[in-house]
Amino acid sequence: MLDDDDDPSVSLMILRLGMLFAVAALVGYLFWEMFSESAALSRLSATANIYPYIDRCDANGQLIAIGQPNCVDLNHYLFVHGSVDKAFRRACSGKPAAVLSFEKGKVGIFEINIVEKILQFRRQNGVNPPC
């Protein structure tokens, strides 16, 4: 598709620009999926859904005798899996104790990623990381 003067034709330029925009959109989408809050929450939810829980807790993190197993002690956190996932952060991690509710806009991406990594570590190794 080259003209007589060996310059690219208009259709070839449009094709190149279209490919450039498609690649830029794909790279933007991948970065969004890697670093957005909603993507971090979906990864945490997927990890929490496949975790084999053995303890039973209420929504406030208190151990109970009846019900389905839904919580795990991760040393730094007590993670409670439910309709809204929660983590009760202990002061041993160098941060003050806090209740983290894993809903959009309620907790930072950094905290979501830490809890997800600790949950994955516990699932793979069977032990908690040191406090």
C-alpha atoms as a PDB file:
ATOM      1  CA  MET A   1       0.000   0.000   0.000  1.00  0.00           C
ATOM      2  CA  LEU A   2       2.775   2.417  -0.706  1.00  0.00           C
ATOM      3  CA  ASP A   3       2.354   5.341  -3.069  1.00  0.00           C
ATOM      4  CA  ASP A   4       4.834   6.235  -5.787  1.00  0.00           C
ATOM      5  CA  ASP A   5       6.940   8.386  -3.460  1.00  0.00           C
ATOM      6  CA  ASP A   6       7.366   5.602  -0.821  1.00  0.00           C
ATOM      7  CA  ASP A   7       5.434   7.539   1.843  1.00  0.00           C
ATOM      8  CA  PRO A   8       2.870   5.575   3.859  1.00  0.00           C
ATOM      9  CA  SER A   9      -0.681   5.949   2.609  1.00  0.00           C
ATOM     10  CA  VAL A  10      -3.486   7.460   4.682  1.00  0.00           C
ATOM     11  CA  SER A  11      -5.063   4.043   5.271  1.00  0.00           C
ATOM     12  CA  LEU A  12      -1.768   2.667   6.622  1.00  0.00           C
ATOM     13  CA  MET A  13      -1.422   5.644   8.975  1.00  0.00           C
ATOM     14  CA  ILE A  14      -4.984   5.125  10.229  1.00  0.00           C
ATOM     15  CA  LEU A  15      -4.242   1.441  10.805  1.00  0.00           C
ATOM     16  CA  ARG A  16      -1.099   2.288  12.787  1.00  0.00           C
ATOM     17  CA  LEU A  17      -2.926   4.868  14.901  1.00  0.00           C
ATOM     18  CA  GLY A  18      -5.717   2.390  15.568  1.00  0.00           C
ATOM     19  CA  MET A  19      -3.220  -0.231  16.714  1.00  0.00           C
ATOM     20  CA  LEU A  20      -1.480   2.337  18.931  1.00  0.00           C
ATOM     21  CA  PHE A  21      -4.775   3.270  20.611  1.00  0.00           C
ATOM     22  CA  ALA A  22      -5.744  -0.409  21.026  1.00  0.00           C
ATOM     23  CA  VAL A  23      -2.426  -1.252  22.683  1.00  0.00           C
ATOM     24  CA  ALA A  24      -2.653   1.834  24.920  1.00  0.00           C
ATOM     25  CA  ALA A  25      -6.195   0.868  25.960  1.00  0.00           C
ATOM     26  CA  LEU A  26      -5.125  -2.703  26.721  1.00  0.00           C
ATOM     27  CA  VAL A  27      -2.158  -1.553  28.827  1.00  0.00           C
ATOM     28  CA  GLY A  28      -4.390   0.936  30.666  1.00  0.00           C
ATOM     29  CA  TYR A  29      -6.951  -1.758  31.401  1.00  0.00           C
ATOM     30  CA  LEU A  30      -4.264  -4.131  32.722  1.00  0.00           C
ATOM     31  CA  PHE A  31      -2.855  -1.444  35.041  1.00  0.00           C
ATOM     32  CA  TRP A  32      -6.373  -0.629  36.243  1.00  0.00           C
ATOM     33  CA  GLU A  33      -7.028  -4.290  37.035  1.00  0.00           C
ATOM     34  CA  MET A  34      -3.724  -4.609  38.880  1.00  0.00           C
ATOM     35  CA  PHE A  35      -3.898  -1.472  41.009  1.00  0.00           C
ATOM     36  CA  SER A  36      -7.560  -0.534  41.483  1.00  0.00           C
ATOM     37  CA  GLU A  37      -9.507  -0.952  44.700  1.00  0.00           C
ATOM     38  CA  SER A  38     -12.280  -2.986  43.083  1.00  0.00           C
ATOM     39  CA  ALA A  39      -9.738  -5.433  41.631  1.00  0.00           C
ATOM     40  CA  ALA A  40      -8.045  -5.791  45.032  1.00  0.00           C
ATOM     41  CA  LEU A  41     -11.420  -6.460  46.669  1.00  0.00           C
ATOM     42  CA  SER A  42     -12.278  -9.108  44.056  1.00  0.00           C
ATOM     43  CA  ARG A  43      -8.922 -10.845  44.585  1.00  0.00           C
ATOM     44  CA  LEU A  44      -9.461 -10.842  48.348  1.00  0.00           C
ATOM     45  CA  SER A  45     -12.986 -12.167  47.929  1.00  0.00           C
ATOM     46  CA  ALA A  46     -11.781 -14.954  45.635  1.00  0.00           C
ATOM     47  CA  THR A  47      -9.049 -15.922  48.116  1.00  0.00           C
ATOM     48  CA  ALA A  48     -11.497 -15.797  51.034  1.00  0.00           C
ATOM     49  CA  ASN A  49     -14.049 -17.971  49.218  1.00  0.00           C
ATOM     50  CA  ILE A  50     -11.614 -20.864  48.742  1.00  0.00           C
ATOM     51  CA  TYR A  51     -10.019 -20.733  52.209  1.00  0.00           C
ATOM     52  CA  PRO A  52     -10.840 -23.744  54.476  1.00  0.00           C
ATOM     53  CA  TYR A  53     -12.082 -22.097  57.706  1.00  0.00           C
ATOM     54  CA  ILE A  54     -12.190 -24.042  60.975  1.00  0.00           C
ATOM     55  CA  ASP A  55     -13.277 -21.418  63.548  1.00  0.00           C
ATOM     56  CA  ARG A  56     -16.695 -19.823  63.930  1.00  0.00           C
ATOM     57  CA  CYS A  57     -17.014 -16.101  64.675  1.00  0.00           C
ATOM     58  CA  ASP A  58     -19.792 -13.565  64.838  1.00  0.00           C
ATOM     59  CA  ALA A  59     -19.653 -10.262  62.937  1.00  0.00           C
ATOM     60  CA  ASN A  60     -17.667  -8.681  65.795  1.00  0.00           C
ATOM     61  CA  GLY A  61     -14.890 -11.283  65.738  1.00  0.00           C
ATOM     62  CA  GLN A  62     -16.004 -13.135  68.874  1.00  0.00           C
ATOM     63  CA  LEU A  63     -15.713 -16.930  68.782  1.00  0.00           C
ATOM     64  CA  ILE A  64     -19.070 -18.714  68.847  1.00  0.00           C
ATOM     65  CA  ALA A  65     -20.006 -22.395  69.184  1.00  0.00           C
ATOM     66  CA  ILE A  66     -22.674 -22.734  66.498  1.00  0.00           C
ATOM     67  CA  GLY A  67     -22.809 -21.835  62.857  1.00  0.00           C
ATOM     68  CA  GLN A  68     -20.669 -22.385  59.830  1.00  0.00           C
ATOM     69  CA  PRO A  69     -16.867 -21.921  60.076  1.00  0.00           C
ATOM     70  CA  ASN A  70     -16.046 -18.442  58.802  1.00  0.00           C
ATOM     71  CA  CYS A  71     -12.969 -16.988  60.506  1.00  0.00           C
ATOM     72  CA  VAL A  72      -9.241 -17.492  60.863  1.00  0.00           C
ATOM     73  CA  ASP A  73      -6.622 -16.029  63.180  1.00  0.00           C
ATOM     74  CA  LEU A  74      -3.752 -14.636  61.082  1.00  0.00           C
ATOM     75  CA  ASN A  75      -1.667 -13.208  64.004  1.00  0.00           C
ATOM     76  CA  HIS A  76      -1.737  -9.668  62.590  1.00  0.00           C
ATOM     77  CA  TYR A  77      -5.444  -9.922  61.843  1.00  0.00           C
ATOM     78  CA  LEU A  78      -8.525 -11.921  62.740  1.00  0.00           C
ATOM     79  CA  PHE A  79     -10.244 -12.375  59.382  1.00  0.00           C
ATOM     80  CA  VAL A  80     -14.022 -12.948  59.357  1.00  0.00           C
ATOM     81  CA  HIS A  81     -15.559 -14.074  56.080  1.00  0.00           C
ATOM     82  CA  GLY A  82     -19.208 -13.196  55.644  1.00  0.00           C
ATOM     83  CA  SER A  83     -21.543 -11.110  53.547  1.00  0.00           C
ATOM     84  CA  VAL A  84     -19.091  -8.287  54.265  1.00  0.00           C
ATOM     85  CA  ASP A  85     -15.550  -9.488  54.926  1.00  0.00           C
ATOM     86  CA  LYS A  86     -13.932  -7.926  57.984  1.00  0.00           C
ATOM     87  CA  ALA A  87     -10.495  -8.037  59.529  1.00  0.00           C
ATOM     88  CA  PHE A  88      -9.713  -7.051  63.081  1.00  0.00           C
ATOM     89  CA  ARG A  89      -6.159  -5.644  63.012  1.00  0.00           C
ATOM     90  CA  ARG A  90      -4.069  -6.181  66.115  1.00  0.00           C
ATOM     91  CA  ALA A  91      -1.556  -3.642  67.401  1.00  0.00           C
ATOM     92  CA  CYS A  92       1.332  -6.118  66.890  1.00  0.00           C
ATOM     93  CA  SER A  93       1.871  -5.031  63.264  1.00  0.00           C
ATOM     94  CA  GLY A  94       3.224  -1.616  64.282  1.00  0.00           C
ATOM     95  CA  LYS A  95      -0.133   0.005  63.595  1.00  0.00           C
ATOM     96  CA  PRO A  96      -2.933   0.675  66.052  1.00  0.00           C
ATOM     97  CA  ALA A  97      -5.691  -1.899  66.447  1.00  0.00           C
ATOM     98  CA  ALA A  98      -8.600  -1.326  64.079  1.00  0.00           C
ATOM     99  CA  VAL A  99     -11.616  -2.940  62.456  1.00  0.00           C
ATOM    100  CA  LEU A 100     -11.326  -3.126  58.671  1.00  0.00           C
ATOM    101  CA  SER A 101     -14.513  -3.571  56.674  1.00  0.00           C
ATOM    102  CA  PHE A 102     -13.723  -4.705  53.151  1.00  0.00           C
ATOM    103  CA  GLU A 103     -16.278  -2.636  51.293  1.00  0.00           C
ATOM    104  CA  LYS A 104     -15.574  -0.245  48.453  1.00  0.00           C
ATOM    105  CA  GLY A 105     -14.285   3.042  49.853  1.00  0.00           C
ATOM    106  CA  LYS A 106     -13.971   1.818  53.444  1.00  0.00           C
ATOM    107  CA  VAL A 107     -10.392   0.480  53.497  1.00  0.00           C
ATOM    108  CA  GLY A 108      -7.170   1.202  51.630  1.00  0.00           C
ATOM    109  CA  ILE A 109      -5.738  -0.947  48.854  1.00  0.00           C
ATOM    110  CA  PHE A 110      -2.588  -1.478  50.944  1.00  0.00           C
ATOM    111  CA  GLU A 111      -4.579  -3.118  53.769  1.00  0.00           C
ATOM    112  CA  ILE A 112      -6.581  -5.240  51.304  1.00  0.00           C
ATOM    113  CA  ASN A 113      -3.393  -6.539  49.705  1.00  0.00           C
ATOM    114  CA  ILE A 114      -1.733  -7.283  53.067  1.00  0.00           C
ATOM    115  CA  VAL A 115      -4.695  -9.322  54.313  1.00  0.00           C
ATOM    116  CA  GLU A 116      -4.904 -11.178  51.002  1.00  0.00           C
ATOM    117  CA  LYS A 117      -1.175 -12.038  51.088  1.00  0.00           C
ATOM    118  CA  ILE A 118      -1.322 -13.220  54.718  1.00  0.00           C
ATOM    119  CA  LEU A 119      -4.417 -15.320  53.955  1.00  0.00           C
ATOM    120  CA  GLN A 120      -2.655 -16.882  50.954  1.00  0.00           C
ATOM    121  CA  PHE A 121       0.484 -17.514  53.045  1.00  0.00           C
ATOM    122  CA  ARG A 122      -1.576 -19.245  55.736  1.00  0.00           C
ATOM    123  CA  ARG A 123      -3.391 -21.358  53.142  1.00  0.00           C
ATOM    124  CA  GLN A 124      -0.191 -22.444  51.397  1.00  0.00           C
ATOM    125  CA  ASN A 125       2.041 -23.000  54.443  1.00  0.00           C
ATOM    126  CA  GLY A 126      -0.435 -23.903  57.168  1.00  0.00           C
ATOM    127  CA  VAL A 127       1.168 -21.435  59.591  1.00  0.00           C
ATOM    128  CA  ASN A 128       0.874 -17.718  60.228  1.00  0.00           C
ATOM    129  CA  PRO A 129       3.644 -15.265  59.516  1.00  0.00           C
ATOM    130  CA  PRO A 130       5.294 -14.067  62.756  1.00  0.00           C
ATOM    131  CA  CYS A 131       3.620 -11.195  64.579  1.00  0.00           C
END
